[in-house]
Amino acid sequence: MTMIRPGKFDITDKAMEIWDLPKGSKVLEIGCGEGDTAQHLTDKYGFDVTGMDISLAMIDKAKEAHPGIEFMYGDGEILDSFMSFTFDGIVYECVLSLISMADEALHEAYCVMKKGAKIFISDLYMRDPPEDLVKSVKIEADRIAKIPHQEGDCEDEHNSGELRFLDFRYEGRFFIEPLIEQMKEIGFTNIKFEDRTDDLIQYVGQKVFDEGKDALDTCMTCASKDDKKTGYFMITAEKPL
């Protein structure tokens, strides 16, 4: 997956200002792509970064481009390669919306975070979603969640490539209030939301200008549709001490 980075590193740097972590902090970037953000976090902030991606091709490119950083194959839904309380920070840049079981991914992230650790999410969201749509999605998500699982269902769902139906995500975009409620339920505190849609608009416009509409991947084609009122956001939060 090619890394999508509206605002270049502006959003990342804003999140790091909020994090205010010291040099040497252990940071996991999930969905690292070719490793540019991992290198930025290493160079500018002195973090000890591990990059993870589900694409072996991306991992190979990241290792070649940034030989001084650890990159590994892995799925954000399953972080059992790491001990609990391992990381001081976790980064998801425009990747959580693409993870099938995003709820499980957030739980896994929470488990491998140290007490007091930070999380940073930037992604697509639906601005001012109709109240009836939000309610309908929640009803359907609750209905699906109550269906008894058969042996192997979770593994099949994980391997299917389809997005799990969740009450905080619809058509690849998040509903912010339900997402924040999900994060609170997991245990995250000090949750801060910021709209960064202007960065997305500039990114899409520049991409089309430079390379044409054919250059937009699935995520950005989705983001370029104004009928869905698609926006871009950043959230920072922490695991309590």
C-alpha atoms as a PDB file:
ATOM      1  CA  MET A   1       0.000   0.000   0.000  1.00  0.00           C
ATOM      2  CA  THR A   2       1.395   3.379  -0.996  1.00  0.00           C
ATOM      3  CA  MET A   3       1.517   5.713   1.964  1.00  0.00           C
ATOM      4  CA  ILE A   4      -1.031   8.507   1.796  1.00  0.00           C
ATOM      5  CA  ARG A   5       0.179  11.566   3.642  1.00  0.00           C
ATOM      6  CA  PRO A   6      -2.013  14.683   3.332  1.00  0.00           C
ATOM      7  CA  GLY A   7      -0.100  17.673   4.651  1.00  0.00           C
ATOM      8  CA  LYS A   8       3.222  15.849   4.158  1.00  0.00           C
ATOM      9  CA  PHE A   9       4.551  15.585   7.729  1.00  0.00           C
ATOM     10  CA  ASP A  10       2.570  18.544   9.130  1.00  0.00           C
ATOM     11  CA  ILE A  11      -0.079  16.353  10.760  1.00  0.00           C
ATOM     12  CA  THR A  12       2.545  13.935  12.045  1.00  0.00           C
ATOM     13  CA  ASP A  13       4.534  16.775  13.594  1.00  0.00           C
ATOM     14  CA  LYS A  14       1.438  18.258  15.213  1.00  0.00           C
ATOM     15  CA  ALA A  15       0.720  14.873  16.794  1.00  0.00           C
ATOM     16  CA  MET A  16       4.302  14.589  18.010  1.00  0.00           C
ATOM     17  CA  GLU A  17       4.022  18.012  19.664  1.00  0.00           C
ATOM     18  CA  ILE A  18       1.023  16.697  21.584  1.00  0.00           C
ATOM     19  CA  TRP A  19       2.798  13.440  22.422  1.00  0.00           C
ATOM     20  CA  ASP A  20       5.891  15.242  23.753  1.00  0.00           C
ATOM     21  CA  LEU A  21       7.825  11.978  24.143  1.00  0.00           C
ATOM     22  CA  PRO A  22      11.569  11.958  24.882  1.00  0.00           C
ATOM     23  CA  LYS A  23      14.290  10.741  22.548  1.00  0.00           C
ATOM     24  CA  GLY A  24      14.715   6.995  22.608  1.00  0.00           C
ATOM     25  CA  SER A  25      10.982   6.323  23.008  1.00  0.00           C
ATOM     26  CA  LYS A  26       9.909   3.060  21.392  1.00  0.00           C
ATOM     27  CA  VAL A  27       7.332   3.709  18.660  1.00  0.00           C
ATOM     28  CA  LEU A  28       5.436   1.232  16.480  1.00  0.00           C
ATOM     29  CA  GLU A  29       4.131   2.438  13.124  1.00  0.00           C
ATOM     30  CA  ILE A  30       1.409   0.145  11.800  1.00  0.00           C
ATOM     31  CA  GLY A  31       0.998   0.283   8.027  1.00  0.00           C
ATOM     32  CA  CYS A  32       4.427   1.823   7.522  1.00  0.00           C
ATOM     33  CA  GLY A  33       4.437   1.574   3.726  1.00  0.00           C
ATOM     34  CA  GLU A  34       7.862   2.452   2.331  1.00  0.00           C
ATOM     35  CA  GLY A  35       9.084   3.714   5.705  1.00  0.00           C
ATOM     36  CA  ASP A  36       9.183   7.477   5.175  1.00  0.00           C
ATOM     37  CA  THR A  37       7.307   8.309   8.369  1.00  0.00           C
ATOM     38  CA  ALA A  38       9.442   5.899  10.378  1.00  0.00           C
ATOM     39  CA  GLN A  39      12.551   7.646   9.072  1.00  0.00           C
ATOM     40  CA  HIS A  40      11.072  11.069   9.857  1.00  0.00           C
ATOM     41  CA  LEU A  41      10.265  10.035  13.429  1.00  0.00           C
ATOM     42  CA  THR A  42      13.766   8.660  13.812  1.00  0.00           C
ATOM     43  CA  ASP A  43      15.583  11.670  12.357  1.00  0.00           C
ATOM     44  CA  LYS A  44      13.543  14.504  13.846  1.00  0.00           C
ATOM     45  CA  TYR A  45      12.553  13.072  17.220  1.00  0.00           C
ATOM     46  CA  GLY A  46      15.175  10.424  17.919  1.00  0.00           C
ATOM     47  CA  PHE A  47      12.596   7.679  18.436  1.00  0.00           C
ATOM     48  CA  ASP A  48      13.399   3.974  18.310  1.00  0.00           C
ATOM     49  CA  VAL A  49      10.909   3.063  15.565  1.00  0.00           C
ATOM     50  CA  THR A  50       9.627  -0.298  14.411  1.00  0.00           C
ATOM     51  CA  GLY A  51       7.668  -0.266  11.153  1.00  0.00           C
ATOM     52  CA  MET A  52       5.078  -2.934  10.372  1.00  0.00           C
ATOM     53  CA  ASP A  53       3.175  -3.572   7.161  1.00  0.00           C
ATOM     54  CA  ILE A  54       1.042  -6.384   5.756  1.00  0.00           C
ATOM     55  CA  SER A  55       2.671  -5.950   2.338  1.00  0.00           C
ATOM     56  CA  LEU A  56       5.953  -7.799   1.924  1.00  0.00           C
ATOM     57  CA  ALA A  57       6.705  -5.635  -1.107  1.00  0.00           C
ATOM     58  CA  MET A  58       6.421  -2.488   1.037  1.00  0.00           C
ATOM     59  CA  ILE A  59       8.622  -3.995   3.729  1.00  0.00           C
ATOM     60  CA  ASP A  60      11.286  -4.826   1.150  1.00  0.00           C
ATOM     61  CA  LYS A  61      11.196  -1.246  -0.166  1.00  0.00           C
ATOM     62  CA  ALA A  62      11.324   0.186   3.357  1.00  0.00           C
ATOM     63  CA  LYS A  63      14.323  -1.947   4.304  1.00  0.00           C
ATOM     64  CA  GLU A  64      16.163  -0.934   1.148  1.00  0.00           C
ATOM     65  CA  ALA A  65      15.405   2.784   1.547  1.00  0.00           C
ATOM     66  CA  HIS A  66      15.931   2.991   5.327  1.00  0.00           C
ATOM     67  CA  PRO A  67      18.454   0.322   6.376  1.00  0.00           C
ATOM     68  CA  GLY A  68      18.922   1.715   9.889  1.00  0.00           C
ATOM     69  CA  ILE A  69      15.300   1.087  10.952  1.00  0.00           C
ATOM     70  CA  GLU A  70      13.616  -2.179  11.897  1.00  0.00           C
ATOM     71  CA  PHE A  71      10.804  -3.162   9.535  1.00  0.00           C
ATOM     72  CA  MET A  72       8.760  -6.319   9.807  1.00  0.00           C
ATOM     73  CA  TYR A  73       5.853  -8.070   8.182  1.00  0.00           C
ATOM     74  CA  GLY A  74       2.754  -8.054  10.345  1.00  0.00           C
ATOM     75  CA  ASP A  75      -0.951  -7.402  10.661  1.00  0.00           C
ATOM     76  CA  GLY A  76      -2.261  -4.635  12.905  1.00  0.00           C
ATOM     77  CA  GLU A  77      -5.031  -6.929  14.102  1.00  0.00           C
ATOM     78  CA  ILE A  78      -2.539  -9.333  15.677  1.00  0.00           C
ATOM     79  CA  LEU A  79       0.398  -7.899  17.626  1.00  0.00           C
ATOM     80  CA  ASP A  80       1.409 -11.059  19.439  1.00  0.00           C
ATOM     81  CA  SER A  81       4.998 -10.608  18.219  1.00  0.00           C
ATOM     82  CA  PHE A  82       5.323  -8.050  21.018  1.00  0.00           C
ATOM     83  CA  MET A  83       5.087  -8.303  24.775  1.00  0.00           C
ATOM     84  CA  SER A  84       2.492  -6.261  26.645  1.00  0.00           C
ATOM     85  CA  PHE A  85       3.695  -2.802  27.730  1.00  0.00           C
ATOM     86  CA  THR A  86       6.341  -2.597  24.967  1.00  0.00           C
ATOM     87  CA  PHE A  87       5.760   0.725  23.197  1.00  0.00           C
ATOM     88  CA  ASP A  88       5.697   4.383  24.204  1.00  0.00           C
ATOM     89  CA  GLY A  89       3.755   5.320  21.081  1.00  0.00           C
ATOM     90  CA  ILE A  90       1.744   3.802  18.219  1.00  0.00           C
ATOM     91  CA  VAL A  91       1.091   5.443  14.856  1.00  0.00           C
ATOM     92  CA  TYR A  92      -1.687   4.753  12.334  1.00  0.00           C
ATOM     93  CA  GLU A  93      -1.453   7.072   9.311  1.00  0.00           C
ATOM     94  CA  CYS A  94      -4.428   6.511   6.973  1.00  0.00           C
ATOM     95  CA  VAL A  95      -4.382   2.782   7.661  1.00  0.00           C
ATOM     96  CA  LEU A  96      -6.936   2.020  10.400  1.00  0.00           C
ATOM     97  CA  SER A  97      -9.812   2.498   7.931  1.00  0.00           C
ATOM     98  CA  LEU A  98      -8.290  -0.289   5.812  1.00  0.00           C
ATOM     99  CA  ILE A  99      -7.911  -2.812   8.643  1.00  0.00           C
ATOM    100  CA  SER A 100     -10.751  -5.331   8.644  1.00  0.00           C
ATOM    101  CA  MET A 101     -11.184  -5.708  12.387  1.00  0.00           C
ATOM    102  CA  ALA A 102     -10.275  -2.164  13.407  1.00  0.00           C
ATOM    103  CA  ASP A 103     -11.816  -2.695  16.842  1.00  0.00           C
ATOM    104  CA  GLU A 104      -9.487  -5.633  17.475  1.00  0.00           C
ATOM    105  CA  ALA A 105      -6.553  -3.596  16.180  1.00  0.00           C
ATOM    106  CA  LEU A 106      -7.215  -0.857  18.731  1.00  0.00           C
ATOM    107  CA  HIS A 107      -7.466  -3.439  21.521  1.00  0.00           C
ATOM    108  CA  GLU A 108      -4.175  -4.996  20.412  1.00  0.00           C
ATOM    109  CA  ALA A 109      -2.516  -1.579  20.305  1.00  0.00           C
ATOM    110  CA  TYR A 110      -3.709  -0.809  23.814  1.00  0.00           C
ATOM    111  CA  CYS A 111      -2.248  -4.068  25.114  1.00  0.00           C
ATOM    112  CA  VAL A 112       1.258  -3.481  23.738  1.00  0.00           C
ATOM    113  CA  MET A 113       1.361   0.153  24.905  1.00  0.00           C
ATOM    114  CA  LYS A 114       3.108   1.028  28.135  1.00  0.00           C
ATOM    115  CA  LYS A 115       1.181   2.894  30.818  1.00  0.00           C
ATOM    116  CA  GLY A 116       1.217   6.539  29.807  1.00  0.00           C
ATOM    117  CA  ALA A 117       1.955   5.660  26.157  1.00  0.00           C
ATOM    118  CA  LYS A 118       0.446   7.670  23.289  1.00  0.00           C
ATOM    119  CA  ILE A 119      -1.481   6.765  20.154  1.00  0.00           C
ATOM    120  CA  PHE A 120      -1.875   8.819  16.952  1.00  0.00           C
ATOM    121  CA  ILE A 121      -4.478   8.127  14.272  1.00  0.00           C
ATOM    122  CA  SER A 122      -5.029  10.075  11.050  1.00  0.00           C
ATOM    123  CA  ASP A 123      -7.636   8.914   8.565  1.00  0.00           C
ATOM    124  CA  LEU A 124     -10.818   9.563   6.610  1.00  0.00           C
ATOM    125  CA  TYR A 125     -14.103  10.381   8.293  1.00  0.00           C
ATOM    126  CA  MET A 126     -17.638  11.347   7.373  1.00  0.00           C
ATOM    127  CA  ARG A 127     -18.360  14.948   8.306  1.00  0.00           C
ATOM    128  CA  ASP A 128     -21.817  15.652   9.725  1.00  0.00           C
ATOM    129  CA  PRO A 129     -23.196  12.170   8.991  1.00  0.00           C
ATOM    130  CA  PRO A 130     -27.009  11.920   9.006  1.00  0.00           C
ATOM    131  CA  GLU A 131     -28.215  10.859  12.442  1.00  0.00           C
ATOM    132  CA  ASP A 132     -30.426   8.149  10.969  1.00  0.00           C
ATOM    133  CA  LEU A 133     -27.444   6.667   9.105  1.00  0.00           C
ATOM    134  CA  VAL A 134     -25.348   6.528  12.280  1.00  0.00           C
ATOM    135  CA  LYS A 135     -28.236   4.837  14.117  1.00  0.00           C
ATOM    136  CA  SER A 136     -28.825   2.368  11.290  1.00  0.00           C
ATOM    137  CA  VAL A 137     -25.161   1.401  11.154  1.00  0.00           C
ATOM    138  CA  LYS A 138     -25.122   0.854  14.917  1.00  0.00           C
ATOM    139  CA  ILE A 139     -28.247  -1.323  14.785  1.00  0.00           C
ATOM    140  CA  GLU A 140     -26.755  -3.462  12.023  1.00  0.00           C
ATOM    141  CA  ALA A 141     -23.384  -3.709  13.785  1.00  0.00           C
ATOM    142  CA  ASP A 142     -25.110  -4.786  17.006  1.00  0.00           C
ATOM    143  CA  ARG A 143     -27.173  -7.366  15.089  1.00  0.00           C
ATOM    144  CA  ILE A 144     -24.107  -8.851  13.435  1.00  0.00           C
ATOM    145  CA  ALA A 145     -22.191  -8.902  16.726  1.00  0.00           C
ATOM    146  CA  LYS A 146     -24.936 -11.030  18.321  1.00  0.00           C
ATOM    147  CA  ILE A 147     -24.739 -13.755  15.676  1.00  0.00           C
ATOM    148  CA  PRO A 148     -23.065 -16.794  17.317  1.00  0.00           C
ATOM    149  CA  HIS A 149     -19.606 -17.546  15.950  1.00  0.00           C
ATOM    150  CA  GLN A 150     -18.782 -20.967  14.609  1.00  0.00           C
ATOM    151  CA  GLU A 151     -15.329 -22.480  14.921  1.00  0.00           C
ATOM    152  CA  GLY A 152     -13.013 -20.794  12.417  1.00  0.00           C
ATOM    153  CA  ASP A 153     -15.291 -17.802  11.807  1.00  0.00           C
ATOM    154  CA  CYS A 154     -12.820 -15.288  13.246  1.00  0.00           C
ATOM    155  CA  GLU A 155      -9.962 -16.700  11.201  1.00  0.00           C
ATOM    156  CA  ASP A 156     -12.100 -16.659   8.056  1.00  0.00           C
ATOM    157  CA  GLU A 157     -13.094 -13.063   8.725  1.00  0.00           C
ATOM    158  CA  HIS A 158      -9.484 -12.099   9.313  1.00  0.00           C
ATOM    159  CA  ASN A 159      -8.337 -13.695   6.049  1.00  0.00           C
ATOM    160  CA  SER A 160     -11.255 -12.612   3.863  1.00  0.00           C
ATOM    161  CA  GLY A 161      -9.949  -9.110   3.147  1.00  0.00           C
ATOM    162  CA  GLU A 162     -13.424  -7.692   3.793  1.00  0.00           C
ATOM    163  CA  LEU A 163     -13.961  -4.950   6.353  1.00  0.00           C
ATOM    164  CA  ARG A 164     -15.821  -6.000   9.490  1.00  0.00           C
ATOM    165  CA  PHE A 165     -19.096  -4.123   9.875  1.00  0.00           C
ATOM    166  CA  LEU A 166     -18.539  -1.759  12.814  1.00  0.00           C
ATOM    167  CA  ASP A 167     -20.665   0.964  14.360  1.00  0.00           C
ATOM    168  CA  PHE A 168     -17.870   3.538  14.028  1.00  0.00           C
ATOM    169  CA  ARG A 169     -16.973   2.965  10.358  1.00  0.00           C
ATOM    170  CA  TYR A 170     -19.026   3.080   7.162  1.00  0.00           C
ATOM    171  CA  GLU A 171     -17.817   2.733   3.572  1.00  0.00           C
ATOM    172  CA  GLY A 172     -14.207   3.226   4.584  1.00  0.00           C
ATOM    173  CA  ARG A 173     -14.847   6.351   6.664  1.00  0.00           C
ATOM    174  CA  PHE A 174     -15.127   6.768  10.399  1.00  0.00           C
ATOM    175  CA  PHE A 175     -17.936   8.237  12.426  1.00  0.00           C
ATOM    176  CA  ILE A 176     -15.943  10.297  14.918  1.00  0.00           C
ATOM    177  CA  GLU A 177     -18.208  10.195  17.975  1.00  0.00           C
ATOM    178  CA  PRO A 178     -18.654   6.387  17.866  1.00  0.00           C
ATOM    179  CA  LEU A 179     -14.920   5.975  17.232  1.00  0.00           C
ATOM    180  CA  ILE A 180     -14.103   8.058  20.293  1.00  0.00           C
ATOM    181  CA  GLU A 181     -16.631   6.077  22.332  1.00  0.00           C
ATOM    182  CA  GLN A 182     -14.950   2.849  21.184  1.00  0.00           C
ATOM    183  CA  MET A 183     -11.570   4.206  22.252  1.00  0.00           C
ATOM    184  CA  LYS A 184     -12.947   5.214  25.652  1.00  0.00           C
ATOM    185  CA  GLU A 185     -14.452   1.754  26.089  1.00  0.00           C
ATOM    186  CA  ILE A 186     -11.045   0.189  25.404  1.00  0.00           C
ATOM    187  CA  GLY A 187      -9.508   2.450  28.033  1.00  0.00           C
ATOM    188  CA  PHE A 188      -7.916   5.361  26.155  1.00  0.00           C
ATOM    189  CA  THR A 189      -8.012   8.756  27.827  1.00  0.00           C
ATOM    190  CA  ASN A 190      -7.150  12.370  26.954  1.00  0.00           C
ATOM    191  CA  ILE A 191      -8.598  11.844  23.470  1.00  0.00           C
ATOM    192  CA  LYS A 192      -8.094  14.885  21.239  1.00  0.00           C
ATOM    193  CA  PHE A 193      -9.693  15.264  17.797  1.00  0.00           C
ATOM    194  CA  GLU A 194      -8.699  17.755  15.107  1.00  0.00           C
ATOM    195  CA  ASP A 195     -10.150  18.205  11.624  1.00  0.00           C
ATOM    196  CA  ARG A 196      -7.465  18.245   8.920  1.00  0.00           C
ATOM    197  CA  THR A 197      -9.680  18.209   5.821  1.00  0.00           C
ATOM    198  CA  ASP A 198      -7.857  21.124   4.211  1.00  0.00           C
ATOM    199  CA  ASP A 199      -4.733  18.980   4.074  1.00  0.00           C
ATOM    200  CA  LEU A 200      -6.714  16.255   2.301  1.00  0.00           C
ATOM    201  CA  ILE A 201      -8.211  18.663  -0.254  1.00  0.00           C
ATOM    202  CA  GLN A 202      -4.785  20.081  -1.063  1.00  0.00           C
ATOM    203  CA  TYR A 203      -3.290  16.597  -1.304  1.00  0.00           C
ATOM    204  CA  VAL A 204      -5.941  15.272  -3.701  1.00  0.00           C
ATOM    205  CA  GLY A 205      -5.818  18.428  -5.835  1.00  0.00           C
ATOM    206  CA  GLN A 206      -2.031  18.315  -6.114  1.00  0.00           C
ATOM    207  CA  LYS A 207      -2.071  14.585  -6.880  1.00  0.00           C
ATOM    208  CA  VAL A 208      -4.552  15.065  -9.729  1.00  0.00           C
ATOM    209  CA  PHE A 209      -2.640  18.098 -11.027  1.00  0.00           C
ATOM    210  CA  ASP A 210       0.691  16.269 -11.006  1.00  0.00           C
ATOM    211  CA  GLU A 211      -0.339  12.795 -12.141  1.00  0.00           C
ATOM    212  CA  GLY A 212      -3.970  12.863 -13.284  1.00  0.00           C
ATOM    213  CA  LYS A 213      -7.015  11.150 -11.800  1.00  0.00           C
ATOM    214  CA  ASP A 214      -5.644   7.710 -12.636  1.00  0.00           C
ATOM    215  CA  ALA A 215      -2.962   8.269  -9.974  1.00  0.00           C
ATOM    216  CA  LEU A 216      -5.523   8.200  -7.170  1.00  0.00           C
ATOM    217  CA  ASP A 217      -5.688   4.886  -5.367  1.00  0.00           C
ATOM    218  CA  THR A 218      -8.872   3.470  -3.814  1.00  0.00           C
ATOM    219  CA  CYS A 219      -8.514   5.460  -0.604  1.00  0.00           C
ATOM    220  CA  MET A 220      -8.004   8.771  -2.358  1.00  0.00           C
ATOM    221  CA  THR A 221     -10.693   8.135  -4.982  1.00  0.00           C
ATOM    222  CA  CYS A 222     -13.051   7.685  -2.073  1.00  0.00           C
ATOM    223  CA  ALA A 223     -11.733  10.851  -0.453  1.00  0.00           C
ATOM    224  CA  SER A 224     -12.200  12.916  -3.621  1.00  0.00           C
ATOM    225  CA  LYS A 225     -15.980  12.422  -3.628  1.00  0.00           C
ATOM    226  CA  ASP A 226     -17.729  15.427  -2.138  1.00  0.00           C
ATOM    227  CA  ASP A 227     -21.158  13.719  -2.091  1.00  0.00           C
ATOM    228  CA  LYS A 228     -20.128  11.773   1.016  1.00  0.00           C
ATOM    229  CA  LYS A 229     -18.747  14.833   2.817  1.00  0.00           C
ATOM    230  CA  THR A 230     -15.472  13.047   3.356  1.00  0.00           C
ATOM    231  CA  GLY A 231     -13.028  14.711   5.706  1.00  0.00           C
ATOM    232  CA  TYR A 232      -9.643  13.946   7.181  1.00  0.00           C
ATOM    233  CA  PHE A 233      -8.858  13.953  10.892  1.00  0.00           C
ATOM    234  CA  MET A 234      -6.210  13.326  13.472  1.00  0.00           C
ATOM    235  CA  ILE A 235      -6.751  11.881  16.932  1.00  0.00           C
ATOM    236  CA  THR A 236      -4.240  11.597  19.734  1.00  0.00           C
ATOM    237  CA  ALA A 237      -4.907   9.741  22.970  1.00  0.00           C
ATOM    238  CA  GLU A 238      -3.062   7.929  25.722  1.00  0.00           C
ATOM    239  CA  LYS A 239      -3.116   4.867  27.921  1.00  0.00           C
ATOM    240  CA  PRO A 240      -3.575   5.990  31.515  1.00  0.00           C
ATOM    241  CA  LEU A 241      -0.790   5.592  34.053  1.00  0.00           C
END
